[in-house]
Amino acid sequence: MKVEIGQRRLELVEGDITEMDTDAIVNAANAQLVLGGGVAGAIRRKGGPKIQAECNAIGGTFVGGAVITTGGDLKARHVIHAVGPRLGEGDEEAKLRNATLNSLKVADENGLESIAFPAISTGIFGFPIGRCAEIMLRTVIDYLRGETGLRRVVFCLYGKDSYDVFARQLNQEDVG
């Protein structure tokens, strides 16, 4: 599914984010930047040890924050590590919005034109996917309406159920 926002494109795809050929992919990270399970584990396995080594050098970031490393052996040249909230920790919606927004800002600060996001915080962090879709899509749409060098933002969703939730939400959004 694709929509145009000005001269920019927002896309939804079902698939494996580690296979995305974008300037950057977003890792649903933990605050310590340890590439353990889920999306992070897949990035570690396919991207190689260089990504974790760079994360170790950075040392971590706050919930809602985002930092960048190289993409190691991935198709994407960079990984942006965004720390989403754990359900129940408080102020989760603002933290998820900030993780999304800070990822977009890091992409712009590094001159990137394309970025692929997963559904941040919906795995082991337990955030409801419907609310995630609403927050992340609204944040990206608003950002793409402003001043940005980004030309393409992709939500790469693992599984048909996740894709369908994001597609339903995108159909409800005002992207005109």
N, C-alpha and C. Protein backbone atom coordinates (compact mmCIF):
# COMPACT_ATOMS: atom_id res chain seq x y z
N MET A 1 0.85 -1.17 0.00
CA MET A 1 0.00 0.00 0.00
C MET A 1 0.90 1.23 0.00
N LYS A 2 0.59 2.20 -0.87
CA LYS A 2 1.40 3.42 -0.99
C LYS A 2 0.50 4.64 -1.03
N VAL A 3 0.93 5.70 -0.34
CA VAL A 3 0.24 6.99 -0.42
C VAL A 3 1.30 8.07 -0.64
N GLU A 4 0.89 9.11 -1.33
CA GLU A 4 1.77 10.24 -1.56
C GLU A 4 1.41 11.36 -0.59
N ILE A 5 2.42 11.97 0.00
CA ILE A 5 2.26 13.12 0.87
C ILE A 5 3.17 14.19 0.29
N GLY A 6 2.59 15.10 -0.48
CA GLY A 6 3.42 16.04 -1.23
C GLY A 6 4.27 15.27 -2.22
N GLN A 7 5.57 15.51 -2.19
CA GLN A 7 6.51 14.82 -3.07
C GLN A 7 7.11 13.58 -2.41
N ARG A 8 6.52 13.16 -1.29
CA ARG A 8 7.07 12.05 -0.52
C ARG A 8 6.12 10.87 -0.51
N ARG A 9 6.68 9.67 -0.29
CA ARG A 9 5.87 8.46 -0.31
C ARG A 9 5.91 7.77 1.04
N LEU A 10 4.74 7.33 1.48
CA LEU A 10 4.59 6.49 2.67
C LEU A 10 4.09 5.14 2.19
N GLU A 11 4.78 4.07 2.57
CA GLU A 11 4.44 2.73 2.10
C GLU A 11 4.25 1.78 3.27
N LEU A 12 3.38 0.81 3.06
CA LEU A 12 3.24 -0.32 3.97
C LEU A 12 3.59 -1.57 3.19
N VAL A 13 4.46 -2.40 3.77
CA VAL A 13 4.79 -3.69 3.17
C VAL A 13 4.78 -4.74 4.26
N GLU A 14 4.46 -5.96 3.88
CA GLU A 14 4.57 -7.10 4.80
C GLU A 14 5.87 -7.79 4.49
N GLY A 15 6.69 -8.02 5.50
CA GLY A 15 7.94 -8.68 5.22
C GLY A 15 8.93 -8.63 6.37
N ASP A 16 10.18 -8.88 6.01
CA ASP A 16 11.30 -8.95 6.95
C ASP A 16 12.10 -7.66 6.82
N ILE A 17 12.11 -6.85 7.87
CA ILE A 17 12.77 -5.54 7.81
C ILE A 17 14.26 -5.67 7.51
N THR A 18 14.88 -6.78 7.86
CA THR A 18 16.31 -6.94 7.60
C THR A 18 16.60 -7.09 6.11
N GLU A 19 15.57 -7.30 5.30
CA GLU A 19 15.74 -7.42 3.85
C GLU A 19 15.44 -6.11 3.11
N MET A 20 15.09 -5.06 3.85
CA MET A 20 14.71 -3.80 3.21
C MET A 20 15.93 -3.10 2.60
N ASP A 21 15.75 -2.62 1.38
CA ASP A 21 16.80 -1.88 0.69
C ASP A 21 16.48 -0.38 0.80
N THR A 22 16.65 0.14 2.00
CA THR A 22 16.43 1.56 2.28
C THR A 22 17.73 2.10 2.87
N ASP A 23 17.85 3.42 2.94
CA ASP A 23 19.06 4.00 3.52
C ASP A 23 19.24 3.54 4.97
N ALA A 24 18.12 3.42 5.69
CA ALA A 24 18.18 2.95 7.08
C ALA A 24 16.97 2.08 7.38
N ILE A 25 17.17 1.15 8.32
CA ILE A 25 16.05 0.45 8.93
C ILE A 25 16.06 0.84 10.41
N VAL A 26 14.90 0.78 11.02
CA VAL A 26 14.80 1.11 12.44
C VAL A 26 14.74 -0.19 13.24
N ASN A 27 15.58 -0.24 14.25
CA ASN A 27 15.59 -1.34 15.19
C ASN A 27 14.73 -0.95 16.39
N ALA A 28 13.81 -1.81 16.76
CA ALA A 28 13.04 -1.62 17.98
C ALA A 28 13.94 -2.03 19.14
N ALA A 29 14.68 -1.05 19.66
CA ALA A 29 15.78 -1.30 20.58
C ALA A 29 15.36 -1.23 22.04
N ASN A 30 16.26 -1.72 22.91
CA ASN A 30 16.13 -1.48 24.33
C ASN A 30 17.11 -0.35 24.69
N ALA A 31 16.94 0.22 25.86
CA ALA A 31 17.73 1.40 26.24
C ALA A 31 19.23 1.10 26.33
N GLN A 32 19.60 -0.16 26.55
CA GLN A 32 21.01 -0.52 26.63
C GLN A 32 21.62 -0.81 25.25
N LEU A 33 20.78 -0.81 24.22
CA LEU A 33 21.20 -1.10 22.84
C LEU A 33 21.80 -2.49 22.69
N VAL A 34 21.29 -3.43 23.46
CA VAL A 34 21.72 -4.83 23.34
C VAL A 34 20.79 -5.50 22.33
N LEU A 35 21.38 -6.03 21.27
CA LEU A 35 20.61 -6.66 20.20
C LEU A 35 20.28 -8.08 20.62
N GLY A 36 19.15 -8.25 21.29
CA GLY A 36 18.76 -9.54 21.84
C GLY A 36 17.83 -10.31 20.94
N GLY A 37 16.51 -10.25 21.21
CA GLY A 37 15.53 -11.02 20.45
C GLY A 37 14.73 -10.14 19.51
N GLY A 38 13.70 -10.73 18.91
CA GLY A 38 12.79 -10.00 18.03
C GLY A 38 13.50 -9.35 16.86
N VAL A 39 13.09 -8.11 16.53
CA VAL A 39 13.69 -7.37 15.42
C VAL A 39 15.19 -7.19 15.65
N ALA A 40 15.56 -6.84 16.88
CA ALA A 40 16.97 -6.61 17.19
C ALA A 40 17.81 -7.86 16.97
N GLY A 41 17.27 -9.02 17.36
CA GLY A 41 18.00 -10.26 17.17
C GLY A 41 18.19 -10.59 15.70
N ALA A 42 17.17 -10.34 14.90
CA ALA A 42 17.27 -10.58 13.45
C ALA A 42 18.32 -9.64 12.84
N ILE A 43 18.35 -8.40 13.29
CA ILE A 43 19.34 -7.43 12.80
C ILE A 43 20.75 -7.89 13.18
N ARG A 44 20.92 -8.36 14.40
CA ARG A 44 22.22 -8.85 14.86
C ARG A 44 22.68 -10.03 14.02
N ARG A 45 21.77 -10.98 13.78
CA ARG A 45 22.13 -12.19 13.02
C ARG A 45 22.51 -11.84 11.58
N LYS A 46 21.72 -11.01 10.92
CA LYS A 46 21.96 -10.72 9.50
C LYS A 46 22.96 -9.60 9.28
N GLY A 47 23.05 -8.68 10.23
CA GLY A 47 23.94 -7.53 10.07
C GLY A 47 25.35 -7.75 10.52
N GLY A 48 25.56 -8.77 11.36
CA GLY A 48 26.91 -9.08 11.83
C GLY A 48 27.29 -8.31 13.09
N PRO A 49 28.46 -8.64 13.65
CA PRO A 49 28.88 -8.12 14.95
C PRO A 49 29.22 -6.63 14.96
N LYS A 50 29.47 -6.04 13.81
CA LYS A 50 29.85 -4.62 13.77
C LYS A 50 28.75 -3.72 14.35
N ILE A 51 27.49 -4.07 14.11
CA ILE A 51 26.38 -3.24 14.61
C ILE A 51 26.36 -3.25 16.13
N GLN A 52 26.49 -4.42 16.75
CA GLN A 52 26.51 -4.49 18.21
C GLN A 52 27.73 -3.77 18.76
N ALA A 53 28.87 -3.89 18.09
CA ALA A 53 30.08 -3.20 18.55
C ALA A 53 29.86 -1.68 18.57
N GLU A 54 29.20 -1.16 17.54
CA GLU A 54 28.92 0.28 17.51
C GLU A 54 27.92 0.67 18.60
N CYS A 55 26.92 -0.19 18.83
CA CYS A 55 25.96 0.06 19.91
C CYS A 55 26.67 0.09 21.26
N ASN A 56 27.62 -0.84 21.46
CA ASN A 56 28.37 -0.87 22.72
C ASN A 56 29.15 0.42 22.91
N ALA A 57 29.72 0.95 21.82
CA ALA A 57 30.48 2.19 21.91
C ALA A 57 29.58 3.39 22.25
N ILE A 58 28.35 3.37 21.73
CA ILE A 58 27.39 4.44 22.04
C ILE A 58 26.95 4.32 23.50
N GLY A 59 26.71 3.10 23.94
CA GLY A 59 26.42 2.83 25.34
C GLY A 59 24.95 2.79 25.72
N GLY A 60 24.07 3.39 24.94
CA GLY A 60 22.65 3.36 25.26
C GLY A 60 21.99 4.68 24.95
N THR A 61 20.68 4.72 25.11
CA THR A 61 19.92 5.95 24.95
C THR A 61 18.64 5.82 25.78
N PHE A 62 17.90 6.88 25.85
CA PHE A 62 16.70 6.93 26.69
C PHE A 62 15.48 6.39 25.95
N VAL A 63 14.44 6.02 26.71
CA VAL A 63 13.19 5.59 26.10
C VAL A 63 12.61 6.79 25.34
N GLY A 64 12.33 6.57 24.06
CA GLY A 64 11.89 7.66 23.18
C GLY A 64 13.03 8.21 22.33
N GLY A 65 14.25 7.80 22.64
CA GLY A 65 15.42 8.28 21.90
C GLY A 65 15.75 7.40 20.71
N ALA A 66 16.69 7.88 19.90
CA ALA A 66 17.14 7.15 18.72
C ALA A 66 18.59 7.50 18.42
N VAL A 67 19.37 6.49 18.07
CA VAL A 67 20.77 6.67 17.69
C VAL A 67 21.02 5.87 16.41
N ILE A 68 22.13 6.17 15.74
CA ILE A 68 22.40 5.54 14.44
C ILE A 68 23.73 4.80 14.46
N THR A 69 23.74 3.65 13.76
CA THR A 69 24.98 2.90 13.50
C THR A 69 25.01 2.56 12.01
N THR A 70 26.09 1.94 11.59
CA THR A 70 26.13 1.43 10.22
C THR A 70 25.16 0.25 10.12
N GLY A 71 24.96 -0.20 8.92
CA GLY A 71 24.09 -1.35 8.69
C GLY A 71 24.83 -2.68 8.64
N GLY A 72 26.13 -2.66 8.86
CA GLY A 72 26.90 -3.91 8.81
C GLY A 72 26.70 -4.62 7.49
N ASP A 73 26.28 -5.87 7.54
CA ASP A 73 26.09 -6.68 6.34
C ASP A 73 24.67 -6.61 5.77
N LEU A 74 23.84 -5.71 6.30
CA LEU A 74 22.47 -5.57 5.81
C LEU A 74 22.44 -4.83 4.48
N LYS A 75 21.33 -4.91 3.76
CA LYS A 75 21.15 -4.11 2.55
C LYS A 75 21.09 -2.62 2.90
N ALA A 76 20.45 -2.30 4.02
CA ALA A 76 20.37 -0.92 4.49
C ALA A 76 21.76 -0.46 4.93
N ARG A 77 22.11 0.79 4.61
CA ARG A 77 23.43 1.31 4.97
C ARG A 77 23.54 1.64 6.45
N HIS A 78 22.39 1.89 7.11
CA HIS A 78 22.39 2.29 8.51
C HIS A 78 21.27 1.58 9.26
N VAL A 79 21.46 1.50 10.59
CA VAL A 79 20.39 1.08 11.49
C VAL A 79 20.18 2.23 12.47
N ILE A 80 18.93 2.65 12.59
CA ILE A 80 18.56 3.64 13.60
C ILE A 80 17.90 2.86 14.73
N HIS A 81 18.50 2.94 15.90
CA HIS A 81 18.03 2.19 17.06
C HIS A 81 17.11 3.10 17.87
N ALA A 82 15.81 2.79 17.86
CA ALA A 82 14.80 3.60 18.54
C ALA A 82 14.27 2.81 19.73
N VAL A 83 14.25 3.46 20.89
CA VAL A 83 13.80 2.80 22.11
C VAL A 83 12.35 3.16 22.38
N GLY A 84 11.48 2.19 22.17
CA GLY A 84 10.07 2.38 22.45
C GLY A 84 9.75 2.01 23.89
N PRO A 85 8.54 2.32 24.31
CA PRO A 85 8.13 2.06 25.69
C PRO A 85 7.69 0.62 25.92
N ARG A 86 7.79 0.21 27.17
CA ARG A 86 7.19 -1.05 27.62
C ARG A 86 5.80 -0.72 28.14
N LEU A 87 4.83 -1.53 27.78
CA LEU A 87 3.47 -1.31 28.26
C LEU A 87 3.47 -1.33 29.79
N GLY A 88 2.86 -0.30 30.38
CA GLY A 88 2.75 -0.22 31.83
C GLY A 88 3.78 0.66 32.49
N GLU A 89 4.76 1.18 31.74
CA GLU A 89 5.80 1.99 32.38
C GLU A 89 5.38 3.45 32.56
N GLY A 90 4.28 3.83 31.91
CA GLY A 90 3.80 5.21 32.04
C GLY A 90 4.18 6.07 30.85
N ASP A 91 3.26 6.92 30.43
CA ASP A 91 3.47 7.88 29.34
C ASP A 91 3.92 7.20 28.03
N GLU A 92 3.39 5.98 27.82
CA GLU A 92 3.84 5.18 26.68
C GLU A 92 3.56 5.84 25.33
N GLU A 93 2.42 6.50 25.19
CA GLU A 93 2.08 7.08 23.90
C GLU A 93 3.06 8.18 23.51
N ALA A 94 3.40 9.05 24.45
CA ALA A 94 4.37 10.11 24.16
C ALA A 94 5.75 9.51 23.87
N LYS A 95 6.12 8.47 24.58
CA LYS A 95 7.42 7.84 24.36
C LYS A 95 7.49 7.19 22.98
N LEU A 96 6.41 6.54 22.55
CA LEU A 96 6.39 5.95 21.21
C LEU A 96 6.43 7.03 20.14
N ARG A 97 5.68 8.09 20.34
CA ARG A 97 5.72 9.22 19.41
C ARG A 97 7.15 9.77 19.31
N ASN A 98 7.81 9.93 20.45
CA ASN A 98 9.17 10.45 20.45
C ASN A 98 10.16 9.51 19.79
N ALA A 99 10.01 8.21 20.01
CA ALA A 99 10.90 7.24 19.36
C ALA A 99 10.77 7.33 17.84
N THR A 100 9.53 7.49 17.37
CA THR A 100 9.29 7.62 15.93
C THR A 100 9.86 8.94 15.41
N LEU A 101 9.52 10.03 16.08
CA LEU A 101 9.98 11.35 15.66
C LEU A 101 11.50 11.46 15.71
N ASN A 102 12.12 10.97 16.76
CA ASN A 102 13.57 11.04 16.86
C ASN A 102 14.26 10.20 15.81
N SER A 103 13.66 9.09 15.41
CA SER A 103 14.21 8.29 14.30
C SER A 103 14.20 9.09 13.01
N LEU A 104 13.10 9.78 12.74
CA LEU A 104 13.00 10.60 11.54
C LEU A 104 14.02 11.74 11.56
N LYS A 105 14.19 12.35 12.73
CA LYS A 105 15.16 13.44 12.86
C LYS A 105 16.59 12.94 12.65
N VAL A 106 16.91 11.78 13.21
CA VAL A 106 18.25 11.20 13.02
C VAL A 106 18.48 10.92 11.53
N ALA A 107 17.48 10.42 10.85
CA ALA A 107 17.61 10.18 9.40
C ALA A 107 17.91 11.48 8.67
N ASP A 108 17.17 12.54 9.00
CA ASP A 108 17.42 13.84 8.37
C ASP A 108 18.80 14.38 8.71
N GLU A 109 19.21 14.26 9.95
CA GLU A 109 20.52 14.77 10.38
C GLU A 109 21.66 14.06 9.65
N ASN A 110 21.40 12.86 9.15
CA ASN A 110 22.42 12.09 8.45
C ASN A 110 22.22 12.07 6.94
N GLY A 111 21.34 12.93 6.44
CA GLY A 111 21.14 13.08 5.00
C GLY A 111 20.50 11.89 4.32
N LEU A 112 19.72 11.10 5.06
CA LEU A 112 19.10 9.92 4.48
C LEU A 112 17.80 10.28 3.77
N GLU A 113 17.48 9.52 2.73
CA GLU A 113 16.26 9.78 1.95
C GLU A 113 15.19 8.71 2.15
N SER A 114 15.56 7.54 2.71
CA SER A 114 14.57 6.48 2.90
C SER A 114 14.84 5.76 4.22
N ILE A 115 13.74 5.35 4.85
CA ILE A 115 13.81 4.70 6.15
C ILE A 115 12.67 3.69 6.24
N ALA A 116 12.94 2.56 6.91
CA ALA A 116 11.91 1.54 7.12
C ALA A 116 11.75 1.31 8.62
N PHE A 117 10.51 1.35 9.08
CA PHE A 117 10.16 1.15 10.49
C PHE A 117 9.48 -0.20 10.69
N PRO A 118 9.72 -0.83 11.84
CA PRO A 118 8.85 -1.93 12.28
C PRO A 118 7.74 -1.33 13.15
N ALA A 119 6.87 -2.17 13.67
CA ALA A 119 5.86 -1.73 14.63
C ALA A 119 6.52 -1.70 16.01
N ILE A 120 7.11 -0.58 16.36
CA ILE A 120 7.91 -0.44 17.58
C ILE A 120 7.08 -0.74 18.84
N SER A 121 7.67 -1.50 19.74
CA SER A 121 7.13 -1.81 21.07
C SER A 121 6.00 -2.84 21.07
N THR A 122 5.65 -3.40 19.92
CA THR A 122 4.51 -4.32 19.88
C THR A 122 4.90 -5.78 20.13
N GLY A 123 6.19 -6.06 20.21
CA GLY A 123 6.63 -7.43 20.49
C GLY A 123 6.66 -7.68 21.98
N ILE A 124 7.85 -7.96 22.49
CA ILE A 124 7.98 -8.30 23.92
C ILE A 124 7.67 -7.11 24.83
N PHE A 125 7.65 -5.89 24.29
CA PHE A 125 7.31 -4.72 25.11
C PHE A 125 5.80 -4.59 25.31
N GLY A 126 4.99 -5.35 24.54
CA GLY A 126 3.57 -5.50 24.82
C GLY A 126 2.64 -4.36 24.44
N PHE A 127 3.10 -3.40 23.65
CA PHE A 127 2.24 -2.27 23.28
C PHE A 127 1.20 -2.72 22.25
N PRO A 128 -0.05 -2.30 22.40
CA PRO A 128 -1.11 -2.74 21.46
C PRO A 128 -0.84 -2.25 20.03
N ILE A 129 -0.94 -3.15 19.07
CA ILE A 129 -0.58 -2.80 17.70
C ILE A 129 -1.49 -1.74 17.09
N GLY A 130 -2.78 -1.77 17.41
CA GLY A 130 -3.68 -0.76 16.86
C GLY A 130 -3.29 0.64 17.30
N ARG A 131 -2.98 0.79 18.56
CA ARG A 131 -2.56 2.11 19.07
C ARG A 131 -1.20 2.49 18.50
N CYS A 132 -0.31 1.51 18.34
CA CYS A 132 0.99 1.74 17.73
C CYS A 132 0.82 2.28 16.31
N ALA A 133 -0.04 1.64 15.53
CA ALA A 133 -0.27 2.08 14.15
C ALA A 133 -0.76 3.52 14.12
N GLU A 134 -1.71 3.84 14.98
CA GLU A 134 -2.26 5.19 15.01
C GLU A 134 -1.17 6.22 15.33
N ILE A 135 -0.40 5.96 16.37
CA ILE A 135 0.64 6.92 16.81
C ILE A 135 1.75 7.04 15.77
N MET A 136 2.27 5.92 15.31
CA MET A 136 3.41 5.97 14.39
C MET A 136 3.01 6.56 13.04
N LEU A 137 1.87 6.16 12.50
CA LEU A 137 1.44 6.70 11.20
C LEU A 137 1.18 8.19 11.29
N ARG A 138 0.48 8.63 12.32
CA ARG A 138 0.18 10.07 12.47
C ARG A 138 1.48 10.87 12.60
N THR A 139 2.45 10.37 13.37
CA THR A 139 3.73 11.06 13.55
C THR A 139 4.47 11.17 12.22
N VAL A 140 4.51 10.09 11.45
CA VAL A 140 5.22 10.10 10.17
C VAL A 140 4.50 11.03 9.17
N ILE A 141 3.20 10.95 9.09
CA ILE A 141 2.45 11.81 8.16
C ILE A 141 2.70 13.28 8.48
N ASP A 142 2.60 13.64 9.74
CA ASP A 142 2.85 15.04 10.14
C ASP A 142 4.28 15.45 9.79
N TYR A 143 5.23 14.57 10.02
CA TYR A 143 6.64 14.88 9.74
C TYR A 143 6.88 15.08 8.25
N LEU A 144 6.27 14.22 7.43
CA LEU A 144 6.48 14.32 5.98
C LEU A 144 5.85 15.57 5.39
N ARG A 145 4.92 16.17 6.09
CA ARG A 145 4.32 17.44 5.63
C ARG A 145 5.24 18.63 5.88
N GLY A 146 6.26 18.45 6.70
CA GLY A 146 7.17 19.54 7.05
C GLY A 146 8.43 19.52 6.20
N GLU A 147 9.43 20.22 6.70
CA GLU A 147 10.73 20.29 6.02
C GLU A 147 11.53 19.04 6.34
N THR A 148 11.80 18.25 5.32
CA THR A 148 12.58 17.02 5.50
C THR A 148 13.21 16.62 4.18
N GLY A 149 14.36 15.97 4.28
CA GLY A 149 15.01 15.41 3.10
C GLY A 149 14.52 14.00 2.80
N LEU A 150 13.73 13.43 3.71
CA LEU A 150 13.21 12.08 3.48
C LEU A 150 12.26 12.09 2.29
N ARG A 151 12.39 11.10 1.44
CA ARG A 151 11.52 10.97 0.26
C ARG A 151 10.63 9.73 0.36
N ARG A 152 11.04 8.78 1.21
CA ARG A 152 10.30 7.51 1.28
C ARG A 152 10.38 6.96 2.71
N VAL A 153 9.21 6.72 3.29
CA VAL A 153 9.13 6.09 4.61
C VAL A 153 8.29 4.83 4.45
N VAL A 154 8.85 3.71 4.90
CA VAL A 154 8.20 2.42 4.76
C VAL A 154 7.93 1.85 6.16
N PHE A 155 6.74 1.30 6.34
CA PHE A 155 6.48 0.47 7.52
C PHE A 155 6.55 -0.96 7.03
N CYS A 156 7.57 -1.68 7.48
CA CYS A 156 7.75 -3.08 7.11
C CYS A 156 7.21 -3.92 8.27
N LEU A 157 6.08 -4.55 8.02
CA LEU A 157 5.33 -5.20 9.09
C LEU A 157 5.44 -6.71 8.96
N TYR A 158 5.72 -7.33 10.09
CA TYR A 158 5.94 -8.77 10.11
C TYR A 158 4.60 -9.48 10.30
N GLY A 159 4.12 -10.10 9.23
CA GLY A 159 2.88 -10.87 9.30
C GLY A 159 1.68 -10.10 8.78
N LYS A 160 0.75 -10.85 8.20
CA LYS A 160 -0.44 -10.26 7.60
C LYS A 160 -1.30 -9.52 8.62
N ASP A 161 -1.42 -10.06 9.82
CA ASP A 161 -2.25 -9.40 10.83
C ASP A 161 -1.74 -7.99 11.14
N SER A 162 -0.44 -7.85 11.33
CA SER A 162 0.14 -6.52 11.61
C SER A 162 -0.04 -5.59 10.42
N TYR A 163 0.21 -6.13 9.23
CA TYR A 163 0.01 -5.32 8.02
C TYR A 163 -1.43 -4.83 7.94
N ASP A 164 -2.38 -5.70 8.18
CA ASP A 164 -3.80 -5.33 8.07
C ASP A 164 -4.18 -4.23 9.07
N VAL A 165 -3.65 -4.29 10.28
CA VAL A 165 -3.93 -3.25 11.28
C VAL A 165 -3.41 -1.90 10.78
N PHE A 166 -2.19 -1.87 10.27
CA PHE A 166 -1.62 -0.61 9.77
C PHE A 166 -2.37 -0.13 8.53
N ALA A 167 -2.76 -1.05 7.65
CA ALA A 167 -3.50 -0.66 6.44
C ALA A 167 -4.85 -0.05 6.80
N ARG A 168 -5.56 -0.64 7.74
CA ARG A 168 -6.84 -0.07 8.18
C ARG A 168 -6.64 1.33 8.75
N GLN A 169 -5.60 1.50 9.56
CA GLN A 169 -5.34 2.81 10.16
C GLN A 169 -4.96 3.83 9.10
N LEU A 170 -4.11 3.43 8.15
CA LEU A 170 -3.69 4.36 7.10
C LEU A 170 -4.89 4.80 6.27
N ASN A 171 -5.83 3.90 6.02
CA ASN A 171 -7.05 4.26 5.28
C ASN A 171 -7.90 5.29 6.02
N GLN A 172 -7.75 5.36 7.34
CA GLN A 172 -8.52 6.34 8.14
C GLN A 172 -7.81 7.68 8.26
N GLU A 173 -6.53 7.74 7.92
CA GLU A 173 -5.75 8.96 8.08
C GLU A 173 -6.00 9.95 6.94
N ASP A 174 -5.92 11.21 7.26
CA ASP A 174 -6.01 12.28 6.26
C ASP A 174 -4.60 12.54 5.74
N VAL A 175 -4.32 12.02 4.56
CA VAL A 175 -2.97 12.19 4.01
C VAL A 175 -2.94 13.23 2.88
N GLY A 176 -4.08 13.85 2.58
CA GLY A 176 -4.17 14.80 1.48
C GLY A 176 -3.46 16.10 1.70
